[in-house]
Amino acid sequence: MSHLPAYREQRVLNECLFRWEAETIVHLPEGVGVVPFLLPGSVALMQATITALRAHRVALWRKHGVMARSDFSVTRAADLIEYVEAAARYEYMDVVTGGKGDGLTRDELRAVVDAFHVQTTLL
């Protein structure tokens, strides 16, 4: 998705991803951090990734891929990536079908956040 200019801005990307599955905001209340395209393997990419992963459990490298962290296990980090991939797949399907899907409204997401006592600044 980060090859499309519309998804390169962190706020927009998170709004698009979080509207498809209620559980995404529960498991990633801080959203996905976005790292600009930097030379693969470079010190700059390493530093930008560290910064993003301090504030987010998943970081998206523009035009490349994602990295995740977990304080519990590698499996939990992989689970977070799966949440993001599923949401991205729904967003992709909406784009290729003409953008007709509503997704969850802000009020619906707020109800999820309130019901599960999620601490987030995304809404």
PDB file of N, CA and C in Angstrom:
ATOM      1  N   MET A   1       0.810  -1.197   0.000  1.00  0.00           N
ATOM      2  CA  MET A   1       0.000   0.000   0.000  1.00  0.00           C
ATOM      3  C   MET A   1       0.855   1.264   0.000  1.00  0.00           C
ATOM      4  N   SER A   2       2.042   1.186   0.570  1.00  0.00           N
ATOM      5  CA  SER A   2       2.851   2.400   0.680  1.00  0.00           C
ATOM      6  C   SER A   2       3.458   2.822  -0.648  1.00  0.00           C
ATOM      7  N   HIS A   3       3.210   2.071  -1.705  1.00  0.00           N
ATOM      8  CA  HIS A   3       3.597   2.522  -3.038  1.00  0.00           C
ATOM      9  C   HIS A   3       2.588   3.545  -3.566  1.00  0.00           C
ATOM     10  N   LEU A   4       1.430   3.615  -2.920  1.00  0.00           N
ATOM     11  CA  LEU A   4       0.404   4.589  -3.308  1.00  0.00           C
ATOM     12  C   LEU A   4       0.531   5.818  -2.417  1.00  0.00           C
ATOM     13  N   PRO A   5       0.677   6.996  -2.997  1.00  0.00           N
ATOM     14  CA  PRO A   5       0.889   8.208  -2.192  1.00  0.00           C
ATOM     15  C   PRO A   5      -0.164   8.428  -1.100  1.00  0.00           C
ATOM     16  N   ALA A   6      -1.387   8.047  -1.340  1.00  0.00           N
ATOM     17  CA  ALA A   6      -2.451   8.278  -0.362  1.00  0.00           C
ATOM     18  C   ALA A   6      -2.197   7.565   0.967  1.00  0.00           C
ATOM     19  N   TYR A   7      -1.412   6.508   0.964  1.00  0.00           N
ATOM     20  CA  TYR A   7      -1.197   5.715   2.179  1.00  0.00           C
ATOM     21  C   TYR A   7       0.142   5.980   2.850  1.00  0.00           C
ATOM     22  N   ARG A   8       0.874   6.940   2.405  1.00  0.00           N
ATOM     23  CA  ARG A   8       2.205   7.189   2.963  1.00  0.00           C
ATOM     24  C   ARG A   8       2.171   8.007   4.241  1.00  0.00           C
ATOM     25  N   GLU A   9       1.083   8.686   4.477  1.00  0.00           N
ATOM     26  CA  GLU A   9       0.961   9.513   5.684  1.00  0.00           C
ATOM     27  C   GLU A   9       0.401   8.637   6.805  1.00  0.00           C
ATOM     28  N   GLN A  10       1.058   8.644   7.942  1.00  0.00           N
ATOM     29  CA  GLN A  10       0.740   7.740   9.042  1.00  0.00           C
ATOM     30  C   GLN A  10      -0.716   7.817   9.487  1.00  0.00           C
ATOM     31  N   ARG A  11      -1.249   9.007   9.673  1.00  0.00           N
ATOM     32  CA  ARG A  11      -2.631   9.158  10.132  1.00  0.00           C
ATOM     33  C   ARG A  11      -3.602   8.541   9.136  1.00  0.00           C
ATOM     34  N   VAL A  12      -3.410   8.818   7.866  1.00  0.00           N
ATOM     35  CA  VAL A  12      -4.302   8.294   6.825  1.00  0.00           C
ATOM     36  C   VAL A  12      -4.205   6.773   6.761  1.00  0.00           C
ATOM     37  N   LEU A  13      -2.999   6.254   6.781  1.00  0.00           N
ATOM     38  CA  LEU A  13      -2.816   4.807   6.734  1.00  0.00           C
ATOM     39  C   LEU A  13      -3.558   4.138   7.882  1.00  0.00           C
ATOM     40  N   ASN A  14      -3.394   4.649   9.090  1.00  0.00           N
ATOM     41  CA  ASN A  14      -4.055   4.039  10.239  1.00  0.00           C
ATOM     42  C   ASN A  14      -5.571   4.135  10.145  1.00  0.00           C
ATOM     43  N   GLU A  15      -6.084   5.260   9.693  1.00  0.00           N
ATOM     44  CA  GLU A  15      -7.536   5.377   9.532  1.00  0.00           C
ATOM     45  C   GLU A  15      -8.052   4.342   8.538  1.00  0.00           C
ATOM     46  N   CYS A  16      -7.329   4.139   7.459  1.00  0.00           N
ATOM     47  CA  CYS A  16      -7.743   3.168   6.442  1.00  0.00           C
ATOM     48  C   CYS A  16      -7.652   1.738   6.957  1.00  0.00           C
ATOM     49  N   LEU A  17      -6.639   1.424   7.717  1.00  0.00           N
ATOM     50  CA  LEU A  17      -6.478   0.068   8.226  1.00  0.00           C
ATOM     51  C   LEU A  17      -7.459  -0.249   9.345  1.00  0.00           C
ATOM     52  N   PHE A  18      -7.674   0.691  10.231  1.00  0.00           N
ATOM     53  CA  PHE A  18      -8.475   0.415  11.417  1.00  0.00           C
ATOM     54  C   PHE A  18      -9.963   0.346  11.137  1.00  0.00           C
ATOM     55  N   ARG A  19     -10.404   0.767   9.986  1.00  0.00           N
ATOM     56  CA  ARG A  19     -11.842   0.768   9.706  1.00  0.00           C
ATOM     57  C   ARG A  19     -12.390  -0.591   9.309  1.00  0.00           C
ATOM     58  N   TRP A  20     -11.541  -1.600   9.145  1.00  0.00           N
ATOM     59  CA  TRP A  20     -12.019  -2.885   8.633  1.00  0.00           C
ATOM     60  C   TRP A  20     -12.256  -3.945   9.690  1.00  0.00           C
ATOM     61  N   GLU A  21     -11.536  -3.934  10.769  1.00  0.00           N
ATOM     62  CA  GLU A  21     -11.686  -4.966  11.788  1.00  0.00           C
ATOM     63  C   GLU A  21     -11.635  -4.329  13.171  1.00  0.00           C
ATOM     64  N   ALA A  22     -12.624  -4.629  13.969  1.00  0.00           N
ATOM     65  CA  ALA A  22     -12.687  -4.039  15.310  1.00  0.00           C
ATOM     66  C   ALA A  22     -11.487  -4.431  16.171  1.00  0.00           C
ATOM     67  N   GLU A  23     -10.978  -5.634  15.991  1.00  0.00           N
ATOM     68  CA  GLU A  23      -9.886  -6.097  16.849  1.00  0.00           C
ATOM     69  C   GLU A  23      -8.553  -5.411  16.550  1.00  0.00           C
ATOM     70  N   THR A  24      -8.410  -4.778  15.412  1.00  0.00           N
ATOM     71  CA  THR A  24      -7.132  -4.154  15.077  1.00  0.00           C
ATOM     72  C   THR A  24      -6.785  -3.052  16.067  1.00  0.00           C
ATOM     73  N   ILE A  25      -7.730  -2.211  16.400  1.00  0.00           N
ATOM     74  CA  ILE A  25      -7.453  -1.123  17.350  1.00  0.00           C
ATOM     75  C   ILE A  25      -7.245  -1.656  18.763  1.00  0.00           C
ATOM     76  N   VAL A  26      -7.835  -2.811  19.060  1.00  0.00           N
ATOM     77  CA  VAL A  26      -7.641  -3.421  20.377  1.00  0.00           C
ATOM     78  C   VAL A  26      -6.192  -3.898  20.521  1.00  0.00           C
ATOM     79  N   HIS A  27      -5.654  -4.500  19.478  1.00  0.00           N
ATOM     80  CA  HIS A  27      -4.306  -5.061  19.541  1.00  0.00           C
ATOM     81  C   HIS A  27      -3.207  -4.065  19.175  1.00  0.00           C
ATOM     82  N   LEU A  28      -3.568  -3.010  18.454  1.00  0.00           N
ATOM     83  CA  LEU A  28      -2.585  -1.987  18.056  1.00  0.00           C
ATOM     84  C   LEU A  28      -3.130  -0.592  18.362  1.00  0.00           C
ATOM     85  N   PRO A  29      -3.380  -0.293  19.628  1.00  0.00           N
ATOM     86  CA  PRO A  29      -4.004   0.989  19.963  1.00  0.00           C
ATOM     87  C   PRO A  29      -3.175   2.211  19.594  1.00  0.00           C
ATOM     88  N   GLU A  30      -1.879   2.028  19.423  1.00  0.00           N
ATOM     89  CA  GLU A  30      -1.011   3.145  19.036  1.00  0.00           C
ATOM     90  C   GLU A  30      -0.908   3.284  17.523  1.00  0.00           C
ATOM     91  N   GLY A  31      -1.511   2.346  16.801  1.00  0.00           N
ATOM     92  CA  GLY A  31      -1.463   2.385  15.350  1.00  0.00           C
ATOM     93  C   GLY A  31      -0.166   1.819  14.803  1.00  0.00           C
ATOM     94  N   VAL A  32       0.012   1.987  13.526  1.00  0.00           N
ATOM     95  CA  VAL A  32       1.204   1.525  12.818  1.00  0.00           C
ATOM     96  C   VAL A  32       2.091   2.737  12.560  1.00  0.00           C
ATOM     97  N   GLY A  33       3.351   2.623  12.924  1.00  0.00           N
ATOM     98  CA  GLY A  33       4.297   3.696  12.639  1.00  0.00           C
ATOM     99  C   GLY A  33       4.762   3.601  11.197  1.00  0.00           C
ATOM    100  N   VAL A  34       4.978   4.731  10.557  1.00  0.00           N
ATOM    101  CA  VAL A  34       5.415   4.742   9.168  1.00  0.00           C
ATOM    102  C   VAL A  34       6.832   5.306   9.101  1.00  0.00           C
ATOM    103  N   VAL A  35       7.713   4.514   8.495  1.00  0.00           N
ATOM    104  CA  VAL A  35       9.111   4.902   8.302  1.00  0.00           C
ATOM    105  C   VAL A  35       9.273   5.266   6.828  1.00  0.00           C
ATOM    106  N   PRO A  36       9.828   6.427   6.518  1.00  0.00           N
ATOM    107  CA  PRO A  36      10.008   6.796   5.116  1.00  0.00           C
ATOM    108  C   PRO A  36      10.945   5.828   4.408  1.00  0.00           C
ATOM    109  N   PHE A  37      10.903   5.828   3.082  1.00  0.00           N
ATOM    110  CA  PHE A  37      11.839   4.981   2.348  1.00  0.00           C
ATOM    111  C   PHE A  37      13.253   5.449   2.640  1.00  0.00           C
ATOM    112  N   LEU A  38      14.059   4.524   3.097  1.00  0.00           N
ATOM    113  CA  LEU A  38      15.475   4.764   3.341  1.00  0.00           C
ATOM    114  C   LEU A  38      16.239   3.576   2.770  1.00  0.00           C
ATOM    115  N   LEU A  39      17.485   3.759   2.491  1.00  0.00           N
ATOM    116  CA  LEU A  39      18.300   2.721   1.889  1.00  0.00           C
ATOM    117  C   LEU A  39      18.254   1.453   2.735  1.00  0.00           C
ATOM    118  N   PRO A  40      17.834   0.322   2.153  1.00  0.00           N
ATOM    119  CA  PRO A  40      17.805  -0.937   2.907  1.00  0.00           C
ATOM    120  C   PRO A  40      19.170  -1.252   3.508  1.00  0.00           C
ATOM    121  N   GLY A  41      19.170  -1.675   4.761  1.00  0.00           N
ATOM    122  CA  GLY A  41      20.401  -2.029   5.452  1.00  0.00           C
ATOM    123  C   GLY A  41      21.196  -0.850   5.980  1.00  0.00           C
ATOM    124  N   SER A  42      20.681   0.356   5.797  1.00  0.00           N
ATOM    125  CA  SER A  42      21.442   1.544   6.205  1.00  0.00           C
ATOM    126  C   SER A  42      21.256   1.853   7.689  1.00  0.00           C
ATOM    127  N   VAL A  43      22.192   2.608   8.213  1.00  0.00           N
ATOM    128  CA  VAL A  43      22.105   3.079   9.593  1.00  0.00           C
ATOM    129  C   VAL A  43      20.872   3.973   9.744  1.00  0.00           C
ATOM    130  N   ALA A  44      20.584   4.771   8.733  1.00  0.00           N
ATOM    131  CA  ALA A  44      19.417   5.658   8.796  1.00  0.00           C
ATOM    132  C   ALA A  44      18.126   4.851   8.930  1.00  0.00           C
ATOM    133  N   LEU A  45      18.013   3.762   8.187  1.00  0.00           N
ATOM    134  CA  LEU A  45      16.820   2.906   8.295  1.00  0.00           C
ATOM    135  C   LEU A  45      16.751   2.270   9.673  1.00  0.00           C
ATOM    136  N   MET A  46      17.874   1.817  10.176  1.00  0.00           N
ATOM    137  CA  MET A  46      17.908   1.221  11.507  1.00  0.00           C
ATOM    138  C   MET A  46      17.440   2.222  12.561  1.00  0.00           C
ATOM    139  N   GLN A  47      17.965   3.436  12.505  1.00  0.00           N
ATOM    140  CA  GLN A  47      17.603   4.448  13.498  1.00  0.00           C
ATOM    141  C   GLN A  47      16.131   4.838  13.386  1.00  0.00           C
ATOM    142  N   ALA A  48      15.627   5.000  12.165  1.00  0.00           N
ATOM    143  CA  ALA A  48      14.219   5.353  11.972  1.00  0.00           C
ATOM    144  C   ALA A  48      13.301   4.227  12.444  1.00  0.00           C
ATOM    145  N   THR A  49      13.720   2.994  12.241  1.00  0.00           N
ATOM    146  CA  THR A  49      12.932   1.846  12.687  1.00  0.00           C
ATOM    147  C   THR A  49      12.887   1.771  14.199  1.00  0.00           C
ATOM    148  N   ILE A  50      14.013   1.973  14.835  1.00  0.00           N
ATOM    149  CA  ILE A  50      14.063   1.976  16.301  1.00  0.00           C
ATOM    150  C   ILE A  50      13.131   3.048  16.851  1.00  0.00           C
ATOM    151  N   THR A  51      13.182   4.228  16.269  1.00  0.00           N
ATOM    152  CA  THR A  51      12.313   5.322  16.715  1.00  0.00           C
ATOM    153  C   THR A  51      10.843   4.951  16.544  1.00  0.00           C
ATOM    154  N   ALA A  52      10.495   4.397  15.402  1.00  0.00           N
ATOM    155  CA  ALA A  52       9.101   4.017  15.149  1.00  0.00           C
ATOM    156  C   ALA A  52       8.646   2.918  16.095  1.00  0.00           C
ATOM    157  N   LEU A  53       9.512   1.935  16.344  1.00  0.00           N
ATOM    158  CA  LEU A  53       9.120   0.816  17.205  1.00  0.00           C
ATOM    159  C   LEU A  53       9.101   1.172  18.687  1.00  0.00           C
ATOM    160  N   ARG A  54       9.670   2.293  19.056  1.00  0.00           N
ATOM    161  CA  ARG A  54       9.538   2.754  20.447  1.00  0.00           C
ATOM    162  C   ARG A  54       8.115   3.244  20.720  1.00  0.00           C
ATOM    163  N   ALA A  55       7.473   3.769  19.690  1.00  0.00           N
ATOM    164  CA  ALA A  55       6.119   4.317  19.848  1.00  0.00           C
ATOM    165  C   ALA A  55       5.022   3.396  19.312  1.00  0.00           C
ATOM    166  N   HIS A  56       5.389   2.425  18.487  1.00  0.00           N
ATOM    167  CA  HIS A  56       4.414   1.532  17.841  1.00  0.00           C
ATOM    168  C   HIS A  56       4.931   0.101  17.896  1.00  0.00           C
ATOM    169  N   ARG A  57       4.022  -0.848  17.967  1.00  0.00           N
ATOM    170  CA  ARG A  57       4.444  -2.250  17.950  1.00  0.00           C
ATOM    171  C   ARG A  57       4.675  -2.758  16.533  1.00  0.00           C
ATOM    172  N   VAL A  58       4.153  -2.045  15.540  1.00  0.00           N
ATOM    173  CA  VAL A  58       4.397  -2.390  14.139  1.00  0.00           C
ATOM    174  C   VAL A  58       4.860  -1.136  13.417  1.00  0.00           C
ATOM    175  N   ALA A  59       5.914  -1.280  12.645  1.00  0.00           N
ATOM    176  CA  ALA A  59       6.421  -0.184  11.820  1.00  0.00           C
ATOM    177  C   ALA A  59       6.377  -0.621  10.357  1.00  0.00           C
ATOM    178  N   LEU A  60       5.873   0.252   9.519  1.00  0.00           N
ATOM    179  CA  LEU A  60       5.823   0.008   8.079  1.00  0.00           C
ATOM    180  C   LEU A  60       6.968   0.751   7.419  1.00  0.00           C
ATOM    181  N   TRP A  61       7.805   0.007   6.739  1.00  0.00           N
ATOM    182  CA  TRP A  61       8.847   0.630   5.926  1.00  0.00           C
ATOM    183  C   TRP A  61       8.213   0.958   4.586  1.00  0.00           C
ATOM    184  N   ARG A  62       8.143   2.237   4.239  1.00  0.00           N
ATOM    185  CA  ARG A  62       7.548   2.615   2.958  1.00  0.00           C
ATOM    186  C   ARG A  62       8.232   1.866   1.811  1.00  0.00           C
ATOM    187  N   LYS A  63       7.390   1.361   0.924  1.00  0.00           N
ATOM    188  CA  LYS A  63       7.833   0.677  -0.292  1.00  0.00           C
ATOM    189  C   LYS A  63       8.697  -0.555  -0.007  1.00  0.00           C
ATOM    190  N   HIS A  64       8.488  -1.175   1.169  1.00  0.00           N
ATOM    191  CA  HIS A  64       9.281  -2.358   1.468  1.00  0.00           C
ATOM    192  C   HIS A  64       8.495  -3.398   2.263  1.00  0.00           C
ATOM    193  N   GLY A  65       8.228  -3.179   3.516  1.00  0.00           N
ATOM    194  CA  GLY A  65       7.575  -4.193   4.343  1.00  0.00           C
ATOM    195  C   GLY A  65       7.331  -3.677   5.738  1.00  0.00           C
ATOM    196  N   VAL A  66       7.183  -4.584   6.683  1.00  0.00           N
ATOM    197  CA  VAL A  66       6.900  -4.200   8.066  1.00  0.00           C
ATOM    198  C   VAL A  66       7.853  -4.909   9.015  1.00  0.00           C
ATOM    199  N   MET A  67       7.923  -4.359  10.219  1.00  0.00           N
ATOM    200  CA  MET A  67       8.654  -4.983  11.303  1.00  0.00           C
ATOM    201  C   MET A  67       7.775  -4.835  12.541  1.00  0.00           C
ATOM    202  N   ALA A  68       7.799  -5.842  13.403  1.00  0.00           N
ATOM    203  CA  ALA A  68       6.977  -5.795  14.620  1.00  0.00           C
ATOM    204  C   ALA A  68       7.825  -6.141  15.831  1.00  0.00           C
ATOM    205  N   ARG A  69       7.339  -5.706  16.987  1.00  0.00           N
ATOM    206  CA  ARG A  69       7.999  -6.057  18.245  1.00  0.00           C
ATOM    207  C   ARG A  69       6.943  -6.534  19.229  1.00  0.00           C
ATOM    208  N   SER A  70       7.364  -7.355  20.161  1.00  0.00           N
ATOM    209  CA  SER A  70       6.486  -7.798  21.238  1.00  0.00           C
ATOM    210  C   SER A  70       7.326  -7.998  22.480  1.00  0.00           C
ATOM    211  N   ASP A  71       6.763  -7.659  23.620  1.00  0.00           N
ATOM    212  CA  ASP A  71       7.442  -7.887  24.886  1.00  0.00           C
ATOM    213  C   ASP A  71       7.225  -9.314  25.376  1.00  0.00           C
ATOM    214  N   PHE A  72       6.400 -10.092  24.645  1.00  0.00           N
ATOM    215  CA  PHE A  72       6.040 -11.427  25.093  1.00  0.00           C
ATOM    216  C   PHE A  72       6.676 -12.547  24.271  1.00  0.00           C
ATOM    217  N   SER A  73       6.577 -12.464  22.935  1.00  0.00           N
ATOM    218  CA  SER A  73       7.115 -13.561  22.119  1.00  0.00           C
ATOM    219  C   SER A  73       7.174 -13.166  20.649  1.00  0.00           C
ATOM    220  N   VAL A  74       7.952 -13.919  19.905  1.00  0.00           N
ATOM    221  CA  VAL A  74       8.022 -13.735  18.455  1.00  0.00           C
ATOM    222  C   VAL A  74       6.659 -14.046  17.846  1.00  0.00           C
ATOM    223  N   THR A  75       5.976 -15.031  18.385  1.00  0.00           N
ATOM    224  CA  THR A  75       4.649 -15.395  17.884  1.00  0.00           C
ATOM    225  C   THR A  75       3.677 -14.226  18.020  1.00  0.00           C
ATOM    226  N   ARG A  76       3.718 -13.529  19.124  1.00  0.00           N
ATOM    227  CA  ARG A  76       2.834 -12.379  19.318  1.00  0.00           C
ATOM    228  C   ARG A  76       3.181 -11.267  18.334  1.00  0.00           C
ATOM    229  N   ALA A  77       4.452 -11.059  18.052  1.00  0.00           N
ATOM    230  CA  ALA A  77       4.850 -10.065  17.048  1.00  0.00           C
ATOM    231  C   ALA A  77       4.308 -10.460  15.681  1.00  0.00           C
ATOM    232  N   ALA A  78       4.410 -11.745  15.347  1.00  0.00           N
ATOM    233  CA  ALA A  78       3.869 -12.224  14.068  1.00  0.00           C
ATOM    234  C   ALA A  78       2.353 -12.042  14.011  1.00  0.00           C
ATOM    235  N   ASP A  79       1.678 -12.251  15.129  1.00  0.00           N
ATOM    236  CA  ASP A  79       0.223 -12.034  15.185  1.00  0.00           C
ATOM    237  C   ASP A  79      -0.125 -10.583  14.856  1.00  0.00           C
ATOM    238  N   LEU A  80       0.665  -9.647  15.360  1.00  0.00           N
ATOM    239  CA  LEU A  80       0.408  -8.229  15.078  1.00  0.00           C
ATOM    240  C   LEU A  80       0.541  -7.943  13.589  1.00  0.00           C
ATOM    241  N   ILE A  81       1.529  -8.550  12.968  1.00  0.00           N
ATOM    242  CA  ILE A  81       1.697  -8.382  11.522  1.00  0.00           C
ATOM    243  C   ILE A  81       0.481  -8.948  10.792  1.00  0.00           C
ATOM    244  N   GLU A  82      -0.030 -10.068  11.261  1.00  0.00           N
ATOM    245  CA  GLU A  82      -1.209 -10.656  10.625  1.00  0.00           C
ATOM    246  C   GLU A  82      -2.431  -9.748  10.731  1.00  0.00           C
ATOM    247  N   TYR A  83      -2.602  -9.064  11.852  1.00  0.00           N
ATOM    248  CA  TYR A  83      -3.708  -8.101  11.975  1.00  0.00           C
ATOM    249  C   TYR A  83      -3.570  -6.998  10.924  1.00  0.00           C
ATOM    250  N   VAL A  84      -2.362  -6.474  10.787  1.00  0.00           N
ATOM    251  CA  VAL A  84      -2.123  -5.405   9.817  1.00  0.00           C
ATOM    252  C   VAL A  84      -2.319  -5.918   8.390  1.00  0.00           C
ATOM    253  N   GLU A  85      -1.814  -7.110   8.102  1.00  0.00           N
ATOM    254  CA  GLU A  85      -1.974  -7.674   6.760  1.00  0.00           C
ATOM    255  C   GLU A  85      -3.445  -7.903   6.414  1.00  0.00           C
ATOM    256  N   ALA A  86      -4.230  -8.392   7.372  1.00  0.00           N
ATOM    257  CA  ALA A  86      -5.656  -8.616   7.113  1.00  0.00           C
ATOM    258  C   ALA A  86      -6.358  -7.295   6.831  1.00  0.00           C
ATOM    259  N   ALA A  87      -6.073  -6.276   7.633  1.00  0.00           N
ATOM    260  CA  ALA A  87      -6.691  -4.968   7.418  1.00  0.00           C
ATOM    261  C   ALA A  87      -6.274  -4.392   6.067  1.00  0.00           C
ATOM    262  N   ALA A  88      -4.998  -4.549   5.716  1.00  0.00           N
ATOM    263  CA  ALA A  88      -4.508  -4.053   4.424  1.00  0.00           C
ATOM    264  C   ALA A  88      -5.178  -4.795   3.272  1.00  0.00           C
ATOM    265  N   ARG A  89      -5.411  -6.077   3.450  1.00  0.00           N
ATOM    266  CA  ARG A  89      -6.089  -6.861   2.404  1.00  0.00           C
ATOM    267  C   ARG A  89      -7.522  -6.341   2.195  1.00  0.00           C
ATOM    268  N   TYR A  90      -8.229  -6.047   3.288  1.00  0.00           N
ATOM    269  CA  TYR A  90      -9.585  -5.481   3.161  1.00  0.00           C
ATOM    270  C   TYR A  90      -9.552  -4.120   2.478  1.00  0.00           C
ATOM    271  N   GLU A  91      -8.577  -3.296   2.840  1.00  0.00           N
ATOM    272  CA  GLU A  91      -8.456  -1.982   2.209  1.00  0.00           C
ATOM    273  C   GLU A  91      -8.165  -2.139   0.722  1.00  0.00           C
ATOM    274  N   TYR A  92      -7.274  -3.051   0.379  1.00  0.00           N
ATOM    275  CA  TYR A  92      -6.954  -3.330  -1.022  1.00  0.00           C
ATOM    276  C   TYR A  92      -8.209  -3.766  -1.785  1.00  0.00           C
ATOM    277  N   MET A  93      -8.969  -4.692  -1.197  1.00  0.00           N
ATOM    278  CA  MET A  93     -10.189  -5.163  -1.859  1.00  0.00           C
ATOM    279  C   MET A  93     -11.174  -4.018  -2.065  1.00  0.00           C
ATOM    280  N   ASP A  94     -11.250  -3.107  -1.107  1.00  0.00           N
ATOM    281  CA  ASP A  94     -12.134  -1.960  -1.261  1.00  0.00           C
ATOM    282  C   ASP A  94     -11.662  -1.065  -2.404  1.00  0.00           C
ATOM    283  N   VAL A  95     -10.363  -0.838  -2.491  1.00  0.00           N
ATOM    284  CA  VAL A  95      -9.816   0.010  -3.553  1.00  0.00           C
ATOM    285  C   VAL A  95     -10.111  -0.593  -4.925  1.00  0.00           C
ATOM    286  N   VAL A  96      -9.845  -1.890  -5.094  1.00  0.00           N
ATOM    287  CA  VAL A  96     -10.025  -2.498  -6.414  1.00  0.00           C
ATOM    288  C   VAL A  96     -11.492  -2.675  -6.793  1.00  0.00           C
ATOM    289  N   THR A  97     -12.389  -2.588  -5.815  1.00  0.00           N
ATOM    290  CA  THR A  97     -13.819  -2.674  -6.135  1.00  0.00           C
ATOM    291  C   THR A  97     -14.471  -1.300  -6.200  1.00  0.00           C
ATOM    292  N   GLY A  98     -13.660  -0.266  -6.241  1.00  0.00           N
ATOM    293  CA  GLY A  98     -14.190   1.072  -6.433  1.00  0.00           C
ATOM    294  C   GLY A  98     -14.429   1.876  -5.176  1.00  0.00           C
ATOM    295  N   GLY A  99     -13.933   1.427  -4.046  1.00  0.00           N
ATOM    296  CA  GLY A  99     -14.047   2.199  -2.808  1.00  0.00           C
ATOM    297  C   GLY A  99     -15.461   2.345  -2.298  1.00  0.00           C
ATOM    298  N   LYS A 100     -16.238   1.304  -2.395  1.00  0.00           N
ATOM    299  CA  LYS A 100     -17.642   1.378  -1.991  1.00  0.00           C
ATOM    300  C   LYS A 100     -17.892   0.935  -0.555  1.00  0.00           C
ATOM    301  N   GLY A 101     -16.897   0.341   0.083  1.00  0.00           N
ATOM    302  CA  GLY A 101     -17.078  -0.148   1.449  1.00  0.00           C
ATOM    303  C   GLY A 101     -17.046   0.981   2.464  1.00  0.00           C
ATOM    304  N   ASP A 102     -17.901   0.865   3.461  1.00  0.00           N
ATOM    305  CA  ASP A 102     -17.941   1.868   4.530  1.00  0.00           C
ATOM    306  C   ASP A 102     -16.880   1.617   5.589  1.00  0.00           C
ATOM    307  N   GLY A 103     -16.737   0.354   5.960  1.00  0.00           N
ATOM    308  CA  GLY A 103     -15.884   0.049   7.094  1.00  0.00           C
ATOM    309  C   GLY A 103     -16.553   0.526   8.367  1.00  0.00           C
ATOM    310  N   LEU A 104     -15.837   0.399   9.451  1.00  0.00           N
ATOM    311  CA  LEU A 104     -16.359   0.836  10.747  1.00  0.00           C
ATOM    312  C   LEU A 104     -16.323   2.363  10.820  1.00  0.00           C
ATOM    313  N   THR A 105     -17.363   2.938  11.373  1.00  0.00           N
ATOM    314  CA  THR A 105     -17.380   4.384  11.565  1.00  0.00           C
ATOM    315  C   THR A 105     -16.548   4.737  12.794  1.00  0.00           C
ATOM    316  N   ARG A 106     -16.249   6.008  12.945  1.00  0.00           N
ATOM    317  CA  ARG A 106     -15.521   6.453  14.134  1.00  0.00           C
ATOM    318  C   ARG A 106     -16.319   6.139  15.395  1.00  0.00           C
ATOM    319  N   ASP A 107     -17.630   6.297  15.331  1.00  0.00           N
ATOM    320  CA  ASP A 107     -18.471   5.985  16.494  1.00  0.00           C
ATOM    321  C   ASP A 107     -18.416   4.490  16.829  1.00  0.00           C
ATOM    322  N   GLU A 108     -18.404   3.646  15.813  1.00  0.00           N
ATOM    323  CA  GLU A 108     -18.311   2.203  16.052  1.00  0.00           C
ATOM    324  C   GLU A 108     -16.952   1.839  16.649  1.00  0.00           C
ATOM    325  N   LEU A 109     -15.894   2.451  16.115  1.00  0.00           N
ATOM    326  CA  LEU A 109     -14.569   2.213  16.691  1.00  0.00           C
ATOM    327  C   LEU A 109     -14.491   2.725  18.127  1.00  0.00           C
ATOM    328  N   ARG A 110     -15.088   3.869  18.373  1.00  0.00           N
ATOM    329  CA  ARG A 110     -15.109   4.421  19.729  1.00  0.00           C
ATOM    330  C   ARG A 110     -15.824   3.462  20.676  1.00  0.00           C
ATOM    331  N   ALA A 111     -16.915   2.839  20.233  1.00  0.00           N
ATOM    332  CA  ALA A 111     -17.649   1.877  21.057  1.00  0.00           C
ATOM    333  C   ALA A 111     -16.762   0.676  21.394  1.00  0.00           C
ATOM    334  N   VAL A 112     -15.972   0.222  20.441  1.00  0.00           N
ATOM    335  CA  VAL A 112     -15.042  -0.890  20.674  1.00  0.00           C
ATOM    336  C   VAL A 112     -13.989  -0.473  21.697  1.00  0.00           C
ATOM    337  N   VAL A 113     -13.406   0.688  21.494  1.00  0.00           N
ATOM    338  CA  VAL A 113     -12.378   1.212  22.396  1.00  0.00           C
ATOM    339  C   VAL A 113     -12.930   1.336  23.816  1.00  0.00           C
ATOM    340  N   ASP A 114     -14.133   1.860  23.935  1.00  0.00           N
ATOM    341  CA  ASP A 114     -14.742   2.018  25.255  1.00  0.00           C
ATOM    342  C   ASP A 114     -15.052   0.670  25.898  1.00  0.00           C
ATOM    343  N   ALA A 115     -15.595  -0.259  25.123  1.00  0.00           N
ATOM    344  CA  ALA A 115     -15.974  -1.573  25.654  1.00  0.00           C
ATOM    345  C   ALA A 115     -14.758  -2.363  26.143  1.00  0.00           C
ATOM    346  N   PHE A 116     -13.637  -2.218  25.459  1.00  0.00           N
ATOM    347  CA  PHE A 116     -12.441  -2.985  25.827  1.00  0.00           C
ATOM    348  C   PHE A 116     -11.419  -2.152  26.598  1.00  0.00           C
ATOM    349  N   HIS A 117     -11.807  -0.929  26.974  1.00  0.00           N
ATOM    350  CA  HIS A 117     -10.948  -0.039  27.767  1.00  0.00           C
ATOM    351  C   HIS A 117      -9.578   0.147  27.126  1.00  0.00           C
ATOM    352  N   VAL A 118      -9.577   0.419  25.831  1.00  0.00           N
ATOM    353  CA  VAL A 118      -8.349   0.606  25.058  1.00  0.00           C
ATOM    354  C   VAL A 118      -7.874   2.047  25.213  1.00  0.00           C
ATOM    355  N   GLN A 119      -6.615   2.209  25.558  1.00  0.00           N
ATOM    356  CA  GLN A 119      -6.002   3.529  25.642  1.00  0.00           C
ATOM    357  C   GLN A 119      -5.423   3.864  24.277  1.00  0.00           C
ATOM    358  N   THR A 120      -6.036   4.802  23.573  1.00  0.00           N
ATOM    359  CA  THR A 120      -5.564   5.172  22.247  1.00  0.00           C
ATOM    360  C   THR A 120      -5.744   6.665  22.026  1.00  0.00           C
ATOM    361  N   THR A 121      -4.909   7.206  21.185  1.00  0.00           N
ATOM    362  CA  THR A 121      -5.049   8.603  20.780  1.00  0.00           C
ATOM    363  C   THR A 121      -5.501   8.698  19.326  1.00  0.00           C
ATOM    364  N   LEU A 122      -5.843   7.562  18.734  1.00  0.00           N
ATOM    365  CA  LEU A 122      -6.194   7.533  17.309  1.00  0.00           C
ATOM    366  C   LEU A 122      -7.595   8.036  17.020  1.00  0.00           C
ATOM    367  N   LEU A 123      -8.455   8.059  18.012  1.00  0.00           N
ATOM    368  CA  LEU A 123      -9.838   8.516  17.779  1.00  0.00           C
ATOM    369  C   LEU A 123     -10.095   9.859  18.428  1.00  0.00           C
TER     370      LEU A 123
END
